[in-house]
């Protein structure tokens, strides 16, 4: 049986954004996105910085802001031991281009 105060605190924390609920590491990759009728420009060349222990470099990519493509520069993310980062990519599906976000997989 749950304690009513615990439930109230949990709901308040979720509503305020104070708690983060993450799917388990083995969860399937799910992506929700928007389709664009024309592909992104060629990638922008950015030099890859030297490796940093415990970090993974994510290359820059074009993102769609609702009106046009905007370059998102590369950035570092914490490494996840036992996982590999699969970068996001644009894929043409018929006449529409869709962005598949990057994800961690085994």
PDB file of N, CA and C in Angstrom:
ATOM      1  N   UNK A   1       0.840  -1.168   0.000  1.00  0.00           N
ATOM      2  CA  UNK A   1       0.000   0.000   0.000  1.00  0.00           C
ATOM      3  C   UNK A   1       0.891   1.239   0.000  1.00  0.00           C
ATOM      4  N   UNK A   2       0.603   2.177  -0.881  1.00  0.00           N
ATOM      5  CA  UNK A   2       1.385   3.398  -0.963  1.00  0.00           C
ATOM      6  C   UNK A   2       0.908   4.398   0.070  1.00  0.00           C
ATOM      7  N   UNK A   3       1.862   5.123   0.551  1.00  0.00           N
ATOM      8  CA  UNK A   3       1.555   6.176   1.513  1.00  0.00           C
ATOM      9  C   UNK A   3       1.086   7.406   0.737  1.00  0.00           C
ATOM     10  N   UNK A   4      -0.036   8.048   1.141  1.00  0.00           N
ATOM     11  CA  UNK A   4      -0.563   9.191   0.383  1.00  0.00           C
ATOM     12  C   UNK A   4       0.406  10.358   0.266  1.00  0.00           C
ATOM     13  N   UNK A   5       1.230  10.576   1.279  1.00  0.00           N
ATOM     14  CA  UNK A   5       2.189  11.688   1.211  1.00  0.00           C
ATOM     15  C   UNK A   5       3.249  11.393   0.162  1.00  0.00           C
ATOM     16  N   UNK A   6       3.727  10.142   0.111  1.00  0.00           N
ATOM     17  CA  UNK A   6       4.713   9.752  -0.897  1.00  0.00           C
ATOM     18  C   UNK A   6       4.157   9.983  -2.290  1.00  0.00           C
ATOM     19  N   UNK A   7       2.925   9.562  -2.534  1.00  0.00           N
ATOM     20  CA  UNK A   7       2.311   9.747  -3.849  1.00  0.00           C
ATOM     21  C   UNK A   7       2.197  11.219  -4.200  1.00  0.00           C
ATOM     22  N   UNK A   8       1.809  12.043  -3.232  1.00  0.00           N
ATOM     23  CA  UNK A   8       1.669  13.476  -3.489  1.00  0.00           C
ATOM     24  C   UNK A   8       3.022  14.105  -3.811  1.00  0.00           C
ATOM     25  N   UNK A   9       4.068  13.722  -3.074  1.00  0.00           N
ATOM     26  CA  UNK A   9       5.403  14.264  -3.317  1.00  0.00           C
ATOM     27  C   UNK A   9       5.910  13.812  -4.682  1.00  0.00           C
ATOM     28  N   UNK A  10       5.694  12.563  -5.031  1.00  0.00           N
ATOM     29  CA  UNK A  10       6.127  12.048  -6.319  1.00  0.00           C
ATOM     30  C   UNK A  10       5.425  12.786  -7.453  1.00  0.00           C
ATOM     31  N   UNK A  11       4.131  12.951  -7.357  1.00  0.00           N
ATOM     32  CA  UNK A  11       3.384  13.659  -8.400  1.00  0.00           C
ATOM     33  C   UNK A  11       3.818  15.112  -8.502  1.00  0.00           C
ATOM     34  N   UNK A  12       4.035  15.763  -7.369  1.00  0.00           N
ATOM     35  CA  UNK A  12       4.480  17.156  -7.390  1.00  0.00           C
ATOM     36  C   UNK A  12       5.869  17.262  -8.023  1.00  0.00           C
ATOM     37  N   UNK A  13       6.747  16.342  -7.697  1.00  0.00           N
ATOM     38  CA  UNK A  13       8.092  16.351  -8.275  1.00  0.00           C
ATOM     39  C   UNK A  13       8.069  16.133  -9.777  1.00  0.00           C
ATOM     40  N   UNK A  14       7.226  15.211 -10.234  1.00  0.00           N
ATOM     41  CA  UNK A  14       7.116  14.978 -11.665  1.00  0.00           C
ATOM     42  C   UNK A  14       6.544  16.194 -12.372  1.00  0.00           C
ATOM     43  N   UNK A  15       5.549  16.810 -11.784  1.00  0.00           N
ATOM     44  CA  UNK A  15       4.937  17.993 -12.388  1.00  0.00           C
ATOM     45  C   UNK A  15       5.925  19.148 -12.469  1.00  0.00           C
ATOM     46  N   UNK A  16       6.781  19.272 -11.475  1.00  0.00           N
ATOM     47  CA  UNK A  16       7.750  20.369 -11.454  1.00  0.00           C
ATOM     48  C   UNK A  16       9.003  20.040 -12.256  1.00  0.00           C
ATOM     49  N   UNK A  17       9.136  18.818 -12.716  1.00  0.00           N
ATOM     50  CA  UNK A  17      10.319  18.435 -13.469  1.00  0.00           C
ATOM     51  C   UNK A  17      11.498  18.105 -12.587  1.00  0.00           C
ATOM     52  N   UNK A  18      11.278  17.887 -11.308  1.00  0.00           N
ATOM     53  CA  UNK A  18      12.362  17.621 -10.376  1.00  0.00           C
ATOM     54  C   UNK A  18      12.857  16.191 -10.406  1.00  0.00           C
ATOM     55  N   UNK A  19      12.108  15.311 -10.997  1.00  0.00           N
ATOM     56  CA  UNK A  19      12.510  13.916 -11.104  1.00  0.00           C
ATOM     57  C   UNK A  19      12.646  13.579 -12.573  1.00  0.00           C
ATOM     58  N   UNK A  20      13.576  12.720 -12.890  1.00  0.00           N
ATOM     59  CA  UNK A  20      13.726  12.274 -14.272  1.00  0.00           C
ATOM     60  C   UNK A  20      13.482  10.776 -14.313  1.00  0.00           C
ATOM     61  N   UNK A  21      12.655  10.362 -15.197  1.00  0.00           N
ATOM     62  CA  UNK A  21      12.401   8.938 -15.368  1.00  0.00           C
ATOM     63  C   UNK A  21      12.998   8.543 -16.705  1.00  0.00           C
ATOM     64  N   UNK A  22      13.983   7.670 -16.652  1.00  0.00           N
ATOM     65  CA  UNK A  22      14.656   7.243 -17.878  1.00  0.00           C
ATOM     66  C   UNK A  22      14.319   5.788 -18.151  1.00  0.00           C
ATOM     67  N   UNK A  23      14.186   5.426 -19.416  1.00  0.00           N
ATOM     68  CA  UNK A  23      13.933   4.035 -19.734  1.00  0.00           C
ATOM     69  C   UNK A  23      15.167   3.201 -19.406  1.00  0.00           C
ATOM     70  N   UNK A  24      14.987   1.911 -19.158  1.00  0.00           N
ATOM     71  CA  UNK A  24      16.144   1.068 -18.888  1.00  0.00           C
ATOM     72  C   UNK A  24      17.077   1.053 -20.088  1.00  0.00           C
ATOM     73  N   UNK A  25      18.339   0.757 -19.836  1.00  0.00           N
ATOM     74  CA  UNK A  25      19.341   0.778 -20.895  1.00  0.00           C
ATOM     75  C   UNK A  25      18.992  -0.157 -22.048  1.00  0.00           C
ATOM     76  N   UNK A  26      18.234  -1.204 -21.786  1.00  0.00           N
ATOM     77  CA  UNK A  26      17.914  -2.165 -22.832  1.00  0.00           C
ATOM     78  C   UNK A  26      16.631  -1.811 -23.580  1.00  0.00           C
ATOM     79  N   UNK A  27      16.054  -0.635 -23.297  1.00  0.00           N
ATOM     80  CA  UNK A  27      14.799  -0.250 -23.945  1.00  0.00           C
ATOM     81  C   UNK A  27      15.007  -0.059 -25.439  1.00  0.00           C
ATOM     82  N   UNK A  28      13.968  -0.323 -26.208  1.00  0.00           N
ATOM     83  CA  UNK A  28      14.032  -0.148 -27.651  1.00  0.00           C
ATOM     84  C   UNK A  28      14.140   1.334 -27.980  1.00  0.00           C
ATOM     85  N   UNK A  29      14.784   1.619 -29.098  1.00  0.00           N
ATOM     86  CA  UNK A  29      14.930   2.999 -29.554  1.00  0.00           C
ATOM     87  C   UNK A  29      13.648   3.431 -30.243  1.00  0.00           C
ATOM     88  N   UNK A  30      13.071   4.528 -29.778  1.00  0.00           N
ATOM     89  CA  UNK A  30      11.853   5.072 -30.364  1.00  0.00           C
ATOM     90  C   UNK A  30      12.132   6.506 -30.743  1.00  0.00           C
ATOM     91  N   UNK A  31      11.693   6.908 -31.926  1.00  0.00           N
ATOM     92  CA  UNK A  31      11.941   8.261 -32.388  1.00  0.00           C
ATOM     93  C   UNK A  31      10.658   8.886 -32.889  1.00  0.00           C
ATOM     94  N   UNK A  32      10.432  10.114 -32.491  1.00  0.00           N
ATOM     95  CA  UNK A  32       9.301  10.877 -32.994  1.00  0.00           C
ATOM     96  C   UNK A  32       9.895  12.091 -33.678  1.00  0.00           C
ATOM     97  N   UNK A  33       9.490  12.347 -34.888  1.00  0.00           N
ATOM     98  CA  UNK A  33      10.095  13.467 -35.594  1.00  0.00           C
ATOM     99  C   UNK A  33       9.162  14.043 -36.622  1.00  0.00           C
ATOM    100  N   UNK A  34       9.741  14.859 -37.438  1.00  0.00           N
ATOM    101  CA  UNK A  34       8.985  15.545 -38.480  1.00  0.00           C
ATOM    102  C   UNK A  34       9.619  15.220 -39.822  1.00  0.00           C
ATOM    103  N   UNK A  35       8.805  15.177 -40.846  1.00  0.00           N
ATOM    104  CA  UNK A  35       9.309  14.939 -42.185  1.00  0.00           C
ATOM    105  C   UNK A  35       9.536  16.259 -42.905  1.00  0.00           C
ATOM    106  N   UNK A  36      10.584  16.310 -43.714  1.00  0.00           N
ATOM    107  CA  UNK A  36      10.920  17.497 -44.496  1.00  0.00           C
ATOM    108  C   UNK A  36      10.947  17.065 -45.956  1.00  0.00           C
ATOM    109  N   UNK A  37      10.440  17.898 -46.838  1.00  0.00           N
ATOM    110  CA  UNK A  37      10.335  17.532 -48.249  1.00  0.00           C
ATOM    111  C   UNK A  37      11.625  17.681 -49.043  1.00  0.00           C
ATOM    112  N   UNK A  38      12.696  18.157 -48.415  1.00  0.00           N
ATOM    113  CA  UNK A  38      13.976  18.231 -49.099  1.00  0.00           C
ATOM    114  C   UNK A  38      15.075  17.943 -48.095  1.00  0.00           C
ATOM    115  N   UNK A  39      16.151  17.350 -48.582  1.00  0.00           N
ATOM    116  CA  UNK A  39      17.228  16.905 -47.713  1.00  0.00           C
ATOM    117  C   UNK A  39      18.059  18.031 -47.129  1.00  0.00           C
ATOM    118  N   UNK A  40      18.848  17.694 -46.113  1.00  0.00           N
ATOM    119  CA  UNK A  40      19.708  18.696 -45.472  1.00  0.00           C
ATOM    120  C   UNK A  40      20.893  19.051 -46.371  1.00  0.00           C
ATOM    121  N   UNK A  41      21.516  20.205 -46.119  1.00  0.00           N
ATOM    122  CA  UNK A  41      22.751  20.555 -46.843  1.00  0.00           C
ATOM    123  C   UNK A  41      23.868  19.568 -46.484  1.00  0.00           C
ATOM    124  N   UNK A  42      24.964  19.688 -47.184  1.00  0.00           N
ATOM    125  CA  UNK A  42      26.139  18.858 -46.871  1.00  0.00           C
ATOM    126  C   UNK A  42      26.602  19.175 -45.454  1.00  0.00           C
ATOM    127  N   UNK A  43      27.145  18.174 -44.741  1.00  0.00           N
ATOM    128  CA  UNK A  43      27.624  18.423 -43.374  1.00  0.00           C
ATOM    129  C   UNK A  43      28.700  19.510 -43.361  1.00  0.00           C
ATOM    130  N   UNK A  44      28.761  20.227 -42.269  1.00  0.00           N
ATOM    131  CA  UNK A  44      29.788  21.247 -42.055  1.00  0.00           C
ATOM    132  C   UNK A  44      31.021  20.536 -41.495  1.00  0.00           C
ATOM    133  N   UNK A  45      32.185  20.846 -42.032  1.00  0.00           N
ATOM    134  CA  UNK A  45      33.395  20.222 -41.502  1.00  0.00           C
ATOM    135  C   UNK A  45      33.760  20.858 -40.173  1.00  0.00           C
ATOM    136  N   UNK A  46      33.891  20.037 -39.148  1.00  0.00           N
ATOM    137  CA  UNK A  46      34.374  20.464 -37.839  1.00  0.00           C
ATOM    138  C   UNK A  46      35.474  19.506 -37.421  1.00  0.00           C
ATOM    139  N   UNK A  47      36.629  20.017 -37.047  1.00  0.00           N
ATOM    140  CA  UNK A  47      37.677  19.097 -36.592  1.00  0.00           C
ATOM    141  C   UNK A  47      37.228  18.380 -35.319  1.00  0.00           C
ATOM    142  N   UNK A  48      37.513  17.087 -35.272  1.00  0.00           N
ATOM    143  CA  UNK A  48      37.167  16.292 -34.086  1.00  0.00           C
ATOM    144  C   UNK A  48      38.242  16.526 -33.033  1.00  0.00           C
ATOM    145  N   UNK A  49      37.845  16.933 -31.829  1.00  0.00           N
ATOM    146  CA  UNK A  49      38.852  17.165 -30.785  1.00  0.00           C
ATOM    147  C   UNK A  49      39.531  15.859 -30.362  1.00  0.00           C
ATOM    148  N   UNK A  50      40.683  15.967 -29.711  1.00  0.00           N
ATOM    149  CA  UNK A  50      41.355  14.758 -29.216  1.00  0.00           C
ATOM    150  C   UNK A  50      40.444  14.000 -28.243  1.00  0.00           C
ATOM    151  N   UNK A  51      40.603  12.678 -28.165  1.00  0.00           N
ATOM    152  CA  UNK A  51      39.767  11.873 -27.261  1.00  0.00           C
ATOM    153  C   UNK A  51      39.875  12.333 -25.815  1.00  0.00           C
ATOM    154  N   UNK A  52      38.770  12.165 -25.089  1.00  0.00           N
ATOM    155  CA  UNK A  52      38.722  12.461 -23.650  1.00  0.00           C
ATOM    156  C   UNK A  52      38.237  11.195 -22.945  1.00  0.00           C
ATOM    157  N   UNK A  53      39.012  10.661 -22.011  1.00  0.00           N
ATOM    158  CA  UNK A  53      38.575   9.452 -21.305  1.00  0.00           C
ATOM    159  C   UNK A  53      37.216   9.665 -20.636  1.00  0.00           C
ATOM    160  N   UNK A  54      36.318   8.706 -20.836  1.00  0.00           N
ATOM    161  CA  UNK A  54      35.002   8.768 -20.213  1.00  0.00           C
ATOM    162  C   UNK A  54      33.992   9.588 -20.992  1.00  0.00           C
ATOM    163  N   UNK A  55      34.370  10.063 -22.182  1.00  0.00           N
ATOM    164  CA  UNK A  55      33.480  10.890 -22.991  1.00  0.00           C
ATOM    165  C   UNK A  55      33.436  10.381 -24.424  1.00  0.00           C
ATOM    166  N   UNK A  56      32.359  10.683 -25.118  1.00  0.00           N
ATOM    167  CA  UNK A  56      32.195  10.331 -26.532  1.00  0.00           C
ATOM    168  C   UNK A  56      31.853  11.610 -27.277  1.00  0.00           C
ATOM    169  N   UNK A  57      32.532  11.848 -28.399  1.00  0.00           N
ATOM    170  CA  UNK A  57      32.250  13.015 -29.222  1.00  0.00           C
ATOM    171  C   UNK A  57      31.096  12.701 -30.174  1.00  0.00           C
ATOM    172  N   UNK A  58      30.091  13.564 -30.188  1.00  0.00           N
ATOM    173  CA  UNK A  58      28.967  13.443 -31.112  1.00  0.00           C
ATOM    174  C   UNK A  58      29.176  14.501 -32.192  1.00  0.00           C
ATOM    175  N   UNK A  59      29.310  14.059 -33.439  1.00  0.00           N
ATOM    176  CA  UNK A  59      29.519  15.002 -34.534  1.00  0.00           C
ATOM    177  C   UNK A  59      28.327  15.926 -34.703  1.00  0.00           C
ATOM    178  N   UNK A  60      28.589  17.095 -35.257  1.00  0.00           N
ATOM    179  CA  UNK A  60      27.525  18.043 -35.544  1.00  0.00           C
ATOM    180  C   UNK A  60      26.578  17.491 -36.601  1.00  0.00           C
ATOM    181  N   UNK A  61      25.405  18.077 -36.688  1.00  0.00           N
ATOM    182  CA  UNK A  61      24.405  17.634 -37.661  1.00  0.00           C
ATOM    183  C   UNK A  61      23.433  18.770 -37.965  1.00  0.00           C
ATOM    184  N   UNK A  62      22.726  18.642 -39.051  1.00  0.00           N
ATOM    185  CA  UNK A  62      21.690  19.600 -39.397  1.00  0.00           C
ATOM    186  C   UNK A  62      20.410  19.212 -38.690  1.00  0.00           C
ATOM    187  N   UNK A  63      19.763  20.181 -38.034  1.00  0.00           N
ATOM    188  CA  UNK A  63      18.463  19.928 -37.426  1.00  0.00           C
ATOM    189  C   UNK A  63      17.449  20.828 -38.108  1.00  0.00           C
ATOM    190  N   UNK A  64      16.208  20.432 -38.075  1.00  0.00           N
ATOM    191  CA  UNK A  64      15.126  21.195 -38.682  1.00  0.00           C
ATOM    192  C   UNK A  64      14.454  22.014 -37.589  1.00  0.00           C
ATOM    193  N   UNK A  65      14.342  23.334 -37.751  1.00  0.00           N
ATOM    194  CA  UNK A  65      13.741  24.170 -36.712  1.00  0.00           C
ATOM    195  C   UNK A  65      12.281  24.522 -37.010  1.00  0.00           C
ATOM    196  N   UNK A  66      11.698  23.861 -37.990  1.00  0.00           N
ATOM    197  CA  UNK A  66      10.320  24.133 -38.364  1.00  0.00           C
ATOM    198  C   UNK A  66      10.213  24.990 -39.612  1.00  0.00           C
ATOM    199  N   UNK A  67      11.337  25.651 -39.960  1.00  0.00           N
ATOM    200  CA  UNK A  67      11.349  26.526 -41.134  1.00  0.00           C
ATOM    201  C   UNK A  67      12.542  26.257 -42.048  1.00  0.00           C
ATOM    202  N   UNK A  68      13.645  25.863 -41.439  1.00  0.00           N
ATOM    203  CA  UNK A  68      14.864  25.644 -42.215  1.00  0.00           C
ATOM    204  C   UNK A  68      15.814  24.755 -41.428  1.00  0.00           C
ATOM    205  N   UNK A  69      16.848  24.276 -42.132  1.00  0.00           N
ATOM    206  CA  UNK A  69      17.886  23.497 -41.476  1.00  0.00           C
ATOM    207  C   UNK A  69      18.829  24.448 -40.735  1.00  0.00           C
ATOM    208  N   UNK A  70      19.230  24.055 -39.523  1.00  0.00           N
ATOM    209  CA  UNK A  70      20.158  24.829 -38.701  1.00  0.00           C
ATOM    210  C   UNK A  70      21.249  23.876 -38.227  1.00  0.00           C
ATOM    211  N   UNK A  71      22.496  24.301 -38.342  1.00  0.00           N
ATOM    212  CA  UNK A  71      23.615  23.445 -37.932  1.00  0.00           C
ATOM    213  C   UNK A  71      23.716  23.373 -36.417  1.00  0.00           C
ATOM    214  N   UNK A  72      23.822  22.155 -35.897  1.00  0.00           N
ATOM    215  CA  UNK A  72      24.046  21.896 -34.465  1.00  0.00           C
ATOM    216  C   UNK A  72      25.481  21.411 -34.356  1.00  0.00           C
ATOM    217  N   UNK A  73      26.344  22.194 -33.743  1.00  0.00           N
ATOM    218  CA  UNK A  73      27.762  21.835 -33.628  1.00  0.00           C
ATOM    219  C   UNK A  73      27.946  20.581 -32.785  1.00  0.00           C
ATOM    220  N   UNK A  74      29.081  19.902 -33.012  1.00  0.00           N
ATOM    221  CA  UNK A  74      29.397  18.702 -32.250  1.00  0.00           C
ATOM    222  C   UNK A  74      29.537  18.999 -30.764  1.00  0.00           C
ATOM    223  N   UNK A  75      29.425  17.940 -29.956  1.00  0.00           N
ATOM    224  CA  UNK A  75      29.473  18.106 -28.498  1.00  0.00           C
ATOM    225  C   UNK A  75      29.878  16.784 -27.845  1.00  0.00           C
ATOM    226  N   UNK A  76      30.297  16.877 -26.578  1.00  0.00           N
ATOM    227  CA  UNK A  76      30.700  15.717 -25.791  1.00  0.00           C
ATOM    228  C   UNK A  76      29.517  15.188 -24.982  1.00  0.00           C
ATOM    229  N   UNK A  77      29.435  13.849 -24.861  1.00  0.00           N
ATOM    230  CA  UNK A  77      28.470  13.212 -23.961  1.00  0.00           C
ATOM    231  C   UNK A  77      29.231  12.199 -23.115  1.00  0.00           C
ATOM    232  N   UNK A  78      28.740  11.964 -21.900  1.00  0.00           N
ATOM    233  CA  UNK A  78      29.369  10.956 -21.034  1.00  0.00           C
ATOM    234  C   UNK A  78      29.253   9.579 -21.673  1.00  0.00           C
ATOM    235  N   UNK A  79      30.349   8.843 -21.644  1.00  0.00           N
ATOM    236  CA  UNK A  79      30.347   7.485 -22.160  1.00  0.00           C
ATOM    237  C   UNK A  79      29.490   6.590 -21.273  1.00  0.00           C
ATOM    238  N   UNK A  80      28.914   5.554 -21.863  1.00  0.00           N
ATOM    239  CA  UNK A  80      28.146   4.565 -21.102  1.00  0.00           C
ATOM    240  C   UNK A  80      28.868   3.231 -21.254  1.00  0.00           C
ATOM    241  N   UNK A  81      29.533   2.768 -20.204  1.00  0.00           N
ATOM    242  CA  UNK A  81      30.289   1.511 -20.306  1.00  0.00           C
ATOM    243  C   UNK A  81      29.414   0.374 -20.848  1.00  0.00           C
ATOM    244  N   UNK A  82      29.958  -0.348 -21.814  1.00  0.00           N
ATOM    245  CA  UNK A  82      29.246  -1.475 -22.413  1.00  0.00           C
ATOM    246  C   UNK A  82      28.318  -1.076 -23.543  1.00  0.00           C
ATOM    247  N   UNK A  83      28.254   0.203 -23.864  1.00  0.00           N
ATOM    248  CA  UNK A  83      27.370   0.687 -24.932  1.00  0.00           C
ATOM    249  C   UNK A  83      28.166   1.451 -25.977  1.00  0.00           C
ATOM    250  N   UNK A  84      27.579   1.526 -27.148  1.00  0.00           N
ATOM    251  CA  UNK A  84      28.148   2.303 -28.249  1.00  0.00           C
ATOM    252  C   UNK A  84      27.130   3.366 -28.626  1.00  0.00           C
ATOM    253  N   UNK A  85      27.616   4.569 -28.952  1.00  0.00           N
ATOM    254  CA  UNK A  85      26.707   5.628 -29.374  1.00  0.00           C
ATOM    255  C   UNK A  85      26.529   5.559 -30.885  1.00  0.00           C
ATOM    256  N   UNK A  86      25.280   5.488 -31.327  1.00  0.00           N
ATOM    257  CA  UNK A  86      24.942   5.501 -32.741  1.00  0.00           C
ATOM    258  C   UNK A  86      24.427   6.903 -33.056  1.00  0.00           C
ATOM    259  N   UNK A  87      25.155   7.657 -33.874  1.00  0.00           N
ATOM    260  CA  UNK A  87      24.780   9.052 -34.112  1.00  0.00           C
ATOM    261  C   UNK A  87      23.476   9.197 -34.892  1.00  0.00           C
ATOM    262  N   UNK A  88      22.838  10.338 -34.713  1.00  0.00           N
ATOM    263  CA  UNK A  88      21.631  10.647 -35.462  1.00  0.00           C
ATOM    264  C   UNK A  88      21.953  10.801 -36.936  1.00  0.00           C
ATOM    265  N   UNK A  89      20.937  10.632 -37.771  1.00  0.00           N
ATOM    266  CA  UNK A  89      21.167  10.739 -39.212  1.00  0.00           C
ATOM    267  C   UNK A  89      19.859  11.051 -39.930  1.00  0.00           C
ATOM    268  N   UNK A  90      19.975  11.719 -41.036  1.00  0.00           N
ATOM    269  CA  UNK A  90      18.829  11.974 -41.905  1.00  0.00           C
ATOM    270  C   UNK A  90      18.669  10.809 -42.864  1.00  0.00           C
ATOM    271  N   UNK A  91      17.437  10.354 -43.055  1.00  0.00           N
ATOM    272  CA  UNK A  91      17.143   9.237 -43.946  1.00  0.00           C
ATOM    273  C   UNK A  91      15.998   9.653 -44.865  1.00  0.00           C
ATOM    274  N   UNK A  92      16.180   9.396 -46.157  1.00  0.00           N
ATOM    275  CA  UNK A  92      15.096   9.690 -47.098  1.00  0.00           C
ATOM    276  C   UNK A  92      14.151   8.507 -47.137  1.00  0.00           C
ATOM    277  N   UNK A  93      12.885   8.767 -46.859  1.00  0.00           N
ATOM    278  CA  UNK A  93      11.838   7.747 -46.877  1.00  0.00           C
ATOM    279  C   UNK A  93      10.809   8.174 -47.909  1.00  0.00           C
ATOM    280  N   UNK A  94      10.969   7.677 -49.146  1.00  0.00           N
ATOM    281  CA  UNK A  94      10.121   8.144 -50.236  1.00  0.00           C
ATOM    282  C   UNK A  94      10.484   9.591 -50.538  1.00  0.00           C
ATOM    283  N   UNK A  95       9.489  10.468 -50.642  1.00  0.00           N
ATOM    284  CA  UNK A  95       9.783  11.874 -50.944  1.00  0.00           C
ATOM    285  C   UNK A  95      10.122  12.704 -49.698  1.00  0.00           C
ATOM    286  N   UNK A  96      10.114  12.090 -48.523  1.00  0.00           N
ATOM    287  CA  UNK A  96      10.281  12.817 -47.263  1.00  0.00           C
ATOM    288  C   UNK A  96      11.608  12.441 -46.602  1.00  0.00           C
ATOM    289  N   UNK A  97      12.261  13.432 -46.006  1.00  0.00           N
ATOM    290  CA  UNK A  97      13.465  13.218 -45.216  1.00  0.00           C
ATOM    291  C   UNK A  97      13.102  13.231 -43.749  1.00  0.00           C
ATOM    292  N   UNK A  98      13.584  12.235 -42.983  1.00  0.00           N
ATOM    293  CA  UNK A  98      13.311  12.147 -41.548  1.00  0.00           C
ATOM    294  C   UNK A  98      14.634  12.030 -40.791  1.00  0.00           C
ATOM    295  N   UNK A  99      14.681  12.681 -39.644  1.00  0.00           N
ATOM    296  CA  UNK A  99      15.867  12.599 -38.803  1.00  0.00           C
ATOM    297  C   UNK A  99      15.655  11.514 -37.760  1.00  0.00           C
ATOM    298  N   UNK A 100      16.591  10.575 -37.695  1.00  0.00           N
ATOM    299  CA  UNK A 100      16.584   9.525 -36.677  1.00  0.00           C
ATOM    300  C   UNK A 100      17.610   9.947 -35.628  1.00  0.00           C
ATOM    301  N   UNK A 101      17.137  10.220 -34.418  1.00  0.00           N
ATOM    302  CA  UNK A 101      18.022  10.729 -33.361  1.00  0.00           C
ATOM    303  C   UNK A 101      19.067   9.699 -32.968  1.00  0.00           C
ATOM    304  N   UNK A 102      20.175  10.190 -32.430  1.00  0.00           N
ATOM    305  CA  UNK A 102      21.219   9.297 -31.952  1.00  0.00           C
ATOM    306  C   UNK A 102      20.764   8.546 -30.712  1.00  0.00           C
ATOM    307  N   UNK A 103      21.386   7.398 -30.471  1.00  0.00           N
ATOM    308  CA  UNK A 103      20.998   6.578 -29.317  1.00  0.00           C
ATOM    309  C   UNK A 103      22.154   5.681 -28.885  1.00  0.00           C
ATOM    310  N   UNK A 104      22.039   5.159 -27.677  1.00  0.00           N
ATOM    311  CA  UNK A 104      23.013   4.217 -27.132  1.00  0.00           C
ATOM    312  C   UNK A 104      22.520   2.801 -27.358  1.00  0.00           C
ATOM    313  N   UNK A 105      23.377   1.932 -27.869  1.00  0.00           N
ATOM    314  CA  UNK A 105      23.018   0.532 -28.077  1.00  0.00           C
ATOM    315  C   UNK A 105      24.192  -0.361 -27.744  1.00  0.00           C
ATOM    316  N   UNK A 106      23.921  -1.628 -27.652  1.00  0.00           N
ATOM    317  CA  UNK A 106      24.981  -2.596 -27.338  1.00  0.00           C
ATOM    318  C   UNK A 106      25.621  -3.090 -28.599  1.00  0.00           C
TER     319      UNK A 106
END
